[in-house]
Amino acid sequence: MVNEAMKKHLSVQGQIAPNPKMTLTAAFVLACVLSVPVFTLLSLVDWLFL
């Protein structure tokens, strides 16, 4: 009830467009972008303190 009223549909040239969805490629790129700095940080901590 409330959620239906709050949803806004994107209209492009009079056509209602679906909401964007994350693709498998985007998920893979995001995972790579996040994993590289985390790996670097953890490796640095391991090298400095252990």
N, C-alpha and C. Protein backbone atom coordinates (compact mmCIF):
# COMPACT_ATOMS: atom_id res chain seq x y z
N MET A 1 0.83 -1.18 0.00
CA MET A 1 0.00 0.00 0.00
C MET A 1 0.88 1.25 0.00
N VAL A 2 1.69 1.42 1.01
CA VAL A 2 2.55 2.59 1.09
C VAL A 2 3.68 2.49 0.07
N ASN A 3 4.23 1.29 -0.10
CA ASN A 3 5.34 1.12 -1.03
C ASN A 3 4.93 1.43 -2.46
N GLU A 4 3.72 1.06 -2.84
CA GLU A 4 3.26 1.33 -4.19
C GLU A 4 3.19 2.83 -4.45
N ALA A 5 2.78 3.59 -3.46
CA ALA A 5 2.66 5.04 -3.63
C ALA A 5 4.03 5.70 -3.70
N MET A 6 5.04 5.08 -3.07
CA MET A 6 6.36 5.71 -3.03
C MET A 6 7.23 5.33 -4.23
N LYS A 7 6.85 4.29 -4.95
CA LYS A 7 7.64 3.89 -6.12
C LYS A 7 7.46 4.92 -7.23
N LYS A 8 8.57 5.35 -7.79
CA LYS A 8 8.51 6.28 -8.92
C LYS A 8 9.03 5.55 -10.15
N HIS A 9 8.24 5.57 -11.20
CA HIS A 9 8.66 4.94 -12.43
C HIS A 9 9.33 5.99 -13.31
N LEU A 10 10.48 5.63 -13.85
CA LEU A 10 11.23 6.53 -14.70
C LEU A 10 10.59 6.56 -16.08
N SER A 11 10.29 7.74 -16.54
CA SER A 11 9.66 7.89 -17.85
C SER A 11 10.66 8.52 -18.80
N VAL A 12 10.92 7.83 -19.91
CA VAL A 12 11.84 8.33 -20.94
C VAL A 12 11.05 8.48 -22.23
N GLN A 13 10.91 9.69 -22.70
CA GLN A 13 10.16 10.01 -23.91
C GLN A 13 8.77 9.39 -23.89
N GLY A 14 8.12 9.48 -22.75
CA GLY A 14 6.76 8.97 -22.61
C GLY A 14 6.67 7.48 -22.35
N GLN A 15 7.78 6.77 -22.38
CA GLN A 15 7.78 5.33 -22.12
C GLN A 15 8.27 5.09 -20.70
N ILE A 16 7.62 4.18 -20.01
CA ILE A 16 8.04 3.84 -18.65
C ILE A 16 9.18 2.84 -18.74
N ALA A 17 10.33 3.23 -18.24
CA ALA A 17 11.53 2.38 -18.30
C ALA A 17 11.62 1.54 -17.03
N PRO A 18 12.12 0.30 -17.15
CA PRO A 18 12.32 -0.51 -15.94
C PRO A 18 13.49 0.02 -15.12
N ASN A 19 13.50 -0.35 -13.85
CA ASN A 19 14.61 0.06 -12.98
C ASN A 19 15.89 -0.62 -13.43
N PRO A 20 17.02 0.05 -13.29
CA PRO A 20 18.29 -0.57 -13.69
C PRO A 20 18.60 -1.77 -12.80
N LYS A 21 19.20 -2.79 -13.39
CA LYS A 21 19.56 -3.99 -12.66
C LYS A 21 21.06 -4.22 -12.80
N MET A 22 21.67 -4.73 -11.74
CA MET A 22 23.09 -5.01 -11.78
C MET A 22 23.32 -6.27 -12.62
N THR A 23 24.19 -6.18 -13.59
CA THR A 23 24.50 -7.33 -14.43
C THR A 23 25.62 -8.14 -13.78
N LEU A 24 25.84 -9.31 -14.32
CA LEU A 24 26.90 -10.18 -13.81
C LEU A 24 28.26 -9.53 -14.01
N THR A 25 28.44 -8.85 -15.13
CA THR A 25 29.71 -8.17 -15.39
C THR A 25 29.94 -7.05 -14.39
N ALA A 26 28.90 -6.28 -14.10
CA ALA A 26 29.03 -5.19 -13.12
C ALA A 26 29.35 -5.74 -11.74
N ALA A 27 28.74 -6.85 -11.37
CA ALA A 27 29.02 -7.46 -10.08
C ALA A 27 30.46 -7.95 -10.00
N PHE A 28 30.96 -8.52 -11.10
CA PHE A 28 32.35 -8.99 -11.14
C PHE A 28 33.33 -7.83 -11.05
N VAL A 29 33.07 -6.76 -11.78
CA VAL A 29 33.95 -5.59 -11.75
C VAL A 29 33.95 -4.96 -10.36
N LEU A 30 32.78 -4.85 -9.75
CA LEU A 30 32.68 -4.30 -8.40
C LEU A 30 33.45 -5.16 -7.40
N ALA A 31 33.34 -6.47 -7.52
CA ALA A 31 34.07 -7.37 -6.62
C ALA A 31 35.58 -7.22 -6.79
N CYS A 32 36.04 -7.09 -8.03
CA CYS A 32 37.48 -6.90 -8.27
C CYS A 32 37.97 -5.57 -7.73
N VAL A 33 37.19 -4.53 -7.95
CA VAL A 33 37.58 -3.19 -7.49
C VAL A 33 37.66 -3.15 -5.97
N LEU A 34 36.78 -3.85 -5.29
CA LEU A 34 36.81 -3.86 -3.83
C LEU A 34 37.87 -4.81 -3.27
N SER A 35 38.15 -5.89 -3.98
CA SER A 35 39.07 -6.89 -3.42
C SER A 35 40.53 -6.46 -3.50
N VAL A 36 40.91 -5.71 -4.51
CA VAL A 36 42.31 -5.31 -4.66
C VAL A 36 42.78 -4.42 -3.51
N PRO A 37 42.07 -3.34 -3.14
CA PRO A 37 42.55 -2.54 -2.01
C PRO A 37 42.49 -3.29 -0.67
N VAL A 38 41.50 -4.15 -0.51
CA VAL A 38 41.40 -4.92 0.74
C VAL A 38 42.58 -5.88 0.83
N PHE A 39 42.91 -6.55 -0.26
CA PHE A 39 44.07 -7.45 -0.27
C PHE A 39 45.36 -6.68 0.03
N THR A 40 45.51 -5.52 -0.58
CA THR A 40 46.70 -4.70 -0.35
C THR A 40 46.80 -4.27 1.11
N LEU A 41 45.70 -3.81 1.66
CA LEU A 41 45.68 -3.37 3.06
C LEU A 41 45.99 -4.52 4.01
N LEU A 42 45.37 -5.67 3.79
CA LEU A 42 45.61 -6.81 4.67
C LEU A 42 47.05 -7.33 4.54
N SER A 43 47.58 -7.30 3.34
CA SER A 43 48.98 -7.72 3.15
C SER A 43 49.93 -6.77 3.86
N LEU A 44 49.65 -5.48 3.79
CA LEU A 44 50.48 -4.49 4.47
C LEU A 44 50.42 -4.67 5.99
N VAL A 45 49.24 -4.90 6.52
CA VAL A 45 49.09 -5.12 7.97
C VAL A 45 49.83 -6.39 8.37
N ASP A 46 49.72 -7.44 7.58
CA ASP A 46 50.42 -8.68 7.87
C ASP A 46 51.93 -8.48 7.85
N TRP A 47 52.42 -7.75 6.88
CA TRP A 47 53.86 -7.51 6.75
C TRP A 47 54.39 -6.63 7.89
N LEU A 48 53.60 -5.64 8.32
CA LEU A 48 54.06 -4.73 9.37
C LEU A 48 54.00 -5.33 10.76
N PHE A 49 52.96 -6.07 11.07
CA PHE A 49 52.72 -6.48 12.45
C PHE A 49 52.96 -7.96 12.73
N LEU A 50 53.11 -8.77 11.73
CA LEU A 50 53.28 -10.20 12.00
C LEU A 50 54.61 -10.72 11.51
